[in-house]
Amino acid sequence: MADPNVRSAGHSGSGVLELLRLFKGSAAAADQYAATCLEQAKTIEPVLRAFEYFAEDVARKPGPLSGIPVGIKDIIATADMPTTNGSPVYKDCIPDADAWVVERLRNLGATIFGKTVSTEFAWRHPGPTVNPWNPKHTPGGSSSGSAAAVAAGLVPLALGTQTLGSVIRPAAFNGVVGLKPSFGAIPRTGVHPLSPSRSCRIFRAPCGRCCLCLVSPWRHQRQ
């Protein structure tokens, strides 16, 4: 059973498609959703510890993903928040530009919600994140924070990376879906390299349909 201070206190865990349908009929719901998620995340974060940083601005932007908050693994560059790569070596390091995948999400209208905990350099030394179903259990790694944040219902979508099992393992441990696109389908510009010949970007969401609905915008507008 989930710890009542972690998962049960989170949002409803609605998926991307469900939220987009809701937002289509209610501008007020779209305007408030990310702010509500942020308030809940800050309440749960002392226990869950899924985030390194939260965005200062979660206001809704126009676009097909308008109103959808997205967690970004902390080895993926964000120009408005530090990118630590899970290491004290990069503490408070703010990149000059967004990673390609982050820029694309912004262009689609998504709200970049915050940076999620990663193991150091997406490899060793686990972060402090706990499993939202049972804080005594591991959330898996290296994309620990992204999986835990989605499972806790704090965001409907988060980015991870995978070289070996860094997304499928946390997805399984936390009961969410991890979608691994074909290698090279999403540019890795702005992502800390672990293995250039194997690493790729991955979507994580509460359900498979939510992941698949994101494939088309990336496929047709890849640069």
Protein backbone atom coordinates (compact mmCIF):
# COMPACT_ATOMS: atom_id res chain seq x y z
CA MET A 1 0.00 0.00 0.00
CA ALA A 2 1.21 3.48 -0.80
CA ASP A 3 2.40 5.67 2.06
CA PRO A 4 -0.44 8.17 2.70
CA ASN A 5 2.14 10.95 3.01
CA VAL A 6 3.51 10.25 -0.46
CA ARG A 7 1.29 8.83 -3.15
CA SER A 8 -2.19 9.28 -1.67
CA ALA A 9 -1.49 12.96 -1.08
CA GLY A 10 -0.63 13.49 -4.74
CA HIS A 11 -2.84 14.51 -7.62
CA SER A 12 -5.30 12.14 -9.26
CA GLY A 13 -2.66 10.80 -11.63
CA SER A 14 -4.64 11.77 -14.75
CA GLY A 15 -2.93 10.99 -18.03
CA VAL A 16 -1.95 13.44 -20.76
CA LEU A 17 -4.86 12.58 -23.07
CA GLU A 18 -7.40 12.86 -20.27
CA LEU A 19 -5.99 16.22 -19.22
CA LEU A 20 -5.95 17.60 -22.76
CA ARG A 21 -9.62 16.68 -23.14
CA LEU A 22 -10.38 18.38 -19.84
CA PHE A 23 -8.42 21.49 -20.79
CA LYS A 24 -10.21 21.74 -24.12
CA GLY A 25 -13.48 22.30 -22.29
CA SER A 26 -12.14 24.29 -19.35
CA ALA A 27 -9.58 27.05 -19.75
CA ALA A 28 -9.69 27.63 -16.00
CA ALA A 29 -8.65 24.03 -15.32
CA ALA A 30 -5.80 24.35 -17.81
CA ASP A 31 -4.65 27.60 -16.23
CA GLN A 32 -4.59 26.17 -12.70
CA TYR A 33 -3.40 22.61 -13.21
CA ALA A 34 0.38 23.11 -13.13
CA ALA A 35 0.14 25.51 -10.19
CA THR A 36 -1.91 22.95 -8.27
CA CYS A 37 0.62 20.24 -9.09
CA LEU A 38 3.43 22.49 -7.88
CA GLU A 39 1.67 23.15 -4.58
CA GLN A 40 1.13 19.43 -4.03
CA ALA A 41 4.68 18.57 -5.08
CA LYS A 42 6.16 20.95 -2.54
CA THR A 43 4.00 19.36 0.15
CA ILE A 44 5.10 15.82 -0.71
CA GLU A 45 8.71 16.57 -1.66
CA PRO A 46 10.17 16.36 1.87
CA VAL A 47 9.24 12.66 1.84
CA LEU A 48 9.38 11.73 -1.85
CA ARG A 49 12.48 13.76 -2.80
CA ALA A 50 11.90 13.33 -6.52
CA PHE A 51 12.97 16.83 -7.59
CA GLU A 52 16.22 18.76 -7.56
CA TYR A 53 14.54 22.03 -8.57
CA PHE A 54 11.11 23.42 -9.34
CA ALA A 55 10.47 25.98 -12.07
CA GLU A 56 9.67 29.49 -10.90
CA ASP A 57 7.17 30.04 -13.72
CA VAL A 58 4.55 27.36 -14.39
CA ALA A 59 2.11 29.61 -16.24
CA ARG A 60 0.36 27.96 -19.18
CA LYS A 61 1.78 28.57 -22.67
CA PRO A 62 -0.04 28.08 -26.01
CA GLY A 63 0.47 24.91 -28.03
CA PRO A 64 -0.81 21.34 -28.41
CA LEU A 65 0.60 20.40 -24.98
CA SER A 66 -0.58 23.61 -23.32
CA GLY A 67 -1.07 23.19 -19.58
CA ILE A 68 0.79 19.86 -19.34
CA PRO A 69 3.57 19.94 -16.71
CA VAL A 70 6.63 17.85 -17.56
CA GLY A 71 9.44 16.73 -15.27
CA ILE A 72 12.94 16.81 -16.79
CA LYS A 73 15.67 14.43 -15.69
CA ASP A 74 18.57 16.38 -14.23
CA ILE A 75 21.10 15.35 -16.87
CA ILE A 76 19.03 17.16 -19.53
CA ALA A 77 19.94 20.83 -19.95
CA THR A 78 17.52 23.60 -18.98
CA ALA A 79 18.48 27.23 -19.47
CA ASP A 80 16.26 28.49 -16.65
CA MET A 81 17.20 25.94 -13.97
CA PRO A 82 20.43 24.30 -12.82
CA THR A 83 21.46 21.02 -14.44
CA THR A 84 23.61 19.16 -11.92
CA ASN A 85 23.87 15.77 -13.66
CA GLY A 86 23.19 14.33 -10.22
CA SER A 87 26.64 15.40 -9.04
CA PRO A 88 28.01 18.04 -6.65
CA VAL A 89 30.58 18.79 -9.34
CA TYR A 90 27.87 20.61 -11.30
CA LYS A 91 26.03 22.16 -8.36
CA ASP A 92 24.25 25.38 -9.42
CA CYS A 93 25.45 24.97 -13.02
CA ILE A 94 22.95 26.63 -15.36
CA PRO A 95 23.44 25.76 -19.06
CA ASP A 96 23.47 28.44 -21.73
CA ALA A 97 20.67 26.76 -23.68
CA ASP A 98 17.95 24.16 -23.35
CA ALA A 99 18.53 20.63 -24.58
CA TRP A 100 16.84 19.95 -27.93
CA VAL A 101 14.14 17.87 -26.29
CA VAL A 102 13.36 20.61 -23.72
CA GLU A 103 13.19 23.31 -26.39
CA ARG A 104 10.82 21.12 -28.38
CA LEU A 105 8.56 20.62 -25.37
CA ARG A 106 8.45 24.37 -24.79
CA ASN A 107 7.57 24.94 -28.46
CA LEU A 108 4.71 22.47 -28.08
CA GLY A 109 3.37 24.51 -25.15
CA ALA A 110 4.33 22.13 -22.34
CA THR A 111 5.19 23.54 -18.93
CA ILE A 112 8.71 22.64 -17.84
CA PHE A 113 7.83 21.80 -14.26
CA GLY A 114 11.16 21.01 -12.65
CA LYS A 115 14.32 18.91 -12.65
CA THR A 116 13.97 15.34 -11.41
CA VAL A 117 16.58 13.44 -9.44
CA SER A 118 19.06 11.28 -11.33
CA THR A 119 21.81 9.02 -10.08
CA GLU A 120 25.19 10.71 -10.49
CA PHE A 121 25.88 11.10 -14.23
CA ALA A 122 23.03 8.61 -14.80
CA TRP A 123 25.33 5.87 -13.57
CA ARG A 124 26.28 5.30 -9.91
CA HIS A 125 25.53 6.83 -6.49
CA PRO A 126 21.70 6.82 -6.14
CA GLY A 127 19.89 10.00 -5.17
CA PRO A 128 17.54 10.44 -2.19
CA THR A 129 14.28 9.62 -4.03
CA VAL A 130 12.01 7.00 -2.46
CA ASN A 131 9.39 4.77 -4.03
CA PRO A 132 6.00 6.51 -3.65
CA TRP A 133 4.25 3.17 -3.08
CA ASN A 134 6.52 2.35 -0.16
CA PRO A 135 9.22 4.81 0.98
CA LYS A 136 11.25 1.91 2.36
CA HIS A 137 11.70 0.59 -1.18
CA THR A 138 13.91 1.86 -4.00
CA PRO A 139 12.39 3.70 -6.99
CA GLY A 140 15.11 2.25 -9.23
CA GLY A 141 17.50 4.26 -11.34
CA SER A 142 18.95 6.09 -12.96
CA SER A 143 15.77 8.03 -13.82
CA SER A 144 14.55 7.77 -10.23
CA GLY A 145 12.86 11.14 -9.79
CA SER A 146 10.99 11.06 -13.09
CA ALA A 147 9.42 7.67 -12.33
CA ALA A 148 8.53 8.57 -8.75
CA ALA A 149 7.05 11.95 -9.73
CA VAL A 150 4.73 10.37 -12.31
CA ALA A 151 3.78 7.51 -9.99
CA ALA A 152 2.96 9.95 -7.20
CA GLY A 153 0.67 11.87 -9.55
CA LEU A 154 2.73 15.06 -9.39
CA VAL A 155 3.22 15.29 -13.15
CA PRO A 156 1.52 13.38 -15.96
CA LEU A 157 4.71 13.19 -18.00
CA ALA A 158 8.45 13.16 -17.35
CA LEU A 159 11.63 12.66 -19.34
CA GLY A 160 14.25 10.06 -18.57
CA THR A 161 17.26 8.59 -20.32
CA GLN A 162 18.38 5.02 -20.81
CA THR A 163 21.63 3.30 -21.71
CA LEU A 164 20.92 -0.09 -20.13
CA GLY A 165 17.78 -0.11 -17.96
CA SER A 166 17.59 3.40 -16.56
CA VAL A 167 13.97 3.93 -17.57
CA ILE A 168 12.37 0.52 -17.85
CA ARG A 169 13.59 -0.45 -14.38
CA PRO A 170 12.21 2.64 -12.55
CA ALA A 171 9.02 2.42 -14.62
CA ALA A 172 8.50 -1.16 -13.46
CA PHE A 173 9.42 -0.41 -9.85
CA ASN A 174 6.96 2.51 -9.69
CA GLY A 175 4.11 1.09 -11.77
CA VAL A 176 4.21 3.55 -14.68
CA VAL A 177 4.90 3.29 -18.42
CA GLY A 178 8.29 4.05 -19.96
CA LEU A 179 8.43 4.55 -23.73
CA LYS A 180 11.83 4.05 -25.37
CA PRO A 181 11.86 5.56 -28.90
CA SER A 182 14.09 4.08 -31.56
CA PHE A 183 17.75 4.98 -31.10
CA GLY A 184 18.43 8.35 -32.74
CA ALA A 185 14.74 9.28 -33.06
CA ILE A 186 15.17 12.17 -30.62
CA PRO A 187 18.35 14.28 -30.81
CA ARG A 188 20.56 14.08 -27.72
CA THR A 189 21.86 17.64 -27.96
CA GLY A 190 22.15 19.12 -24.48
CA VAL A 191 22.03 15.79 -22.63
CA HIS A 192 25.00 14.64 -20.56
CA PRO A 193 26.56 11.73 -22.49
CA LEU A 194 26.97 8.39 -20.79
CA SER A 195 27.25 6.17 -23.86
CA PRO A 196 26.89 8.01 -27.20
CA SER A 197 26.32 4.74 -29.03
CA ARG A 198 23.51 3.53 -26.76
CA SER A 199 21.86 6.28 -24.69
CA CYS A 200 18.48 7.66 -25.75
CA ARG A 201 15.69 9.92 -24.45
CA ILE A 202 12.53 8.34 -23.08
CA PHE A 203 9.02 9.45 -22.17
CA ARG A 204 7.37 8.30 -18.94
CA ALA A 205 3.66 8.56 -18.22
CA PRO A 206 0.88 6.83 -16.26
CA CYS A 207 -0.36 4.88 -19.30
CA GLY A 208 0.83 3.67 -22.70
CA ARG A 209 -1.62 5.80 -24.67
CA CYS A 210 -0.22 8.93 -23.04
CA CYS A 211 3.27 8.07 -24.28
CA LEU A 212 2.12 7.15 -27.77
CA CYS A 213 0.20 10.40 -28.23
CA LEU A 214 3.53 12.23 -28.05
CA VAL A 215 5.21 10.33 -30.86
CA SER A 216 3.62 12.16 -33.79
CA PRO A 217 4.73 15.74 -32.90
CA TRP A 218 8.34 14.57 -32.50
CA ARG A 219 8.39 12.47 -35.66
CA HIS A 220 7.00 15.17 -37.96
CA GLN A 221 8.95 18.13 -36.58
CA ARG A 222 12.34 16.69 -35.74
CA GLN A 223 15.17 18.98 -36.80
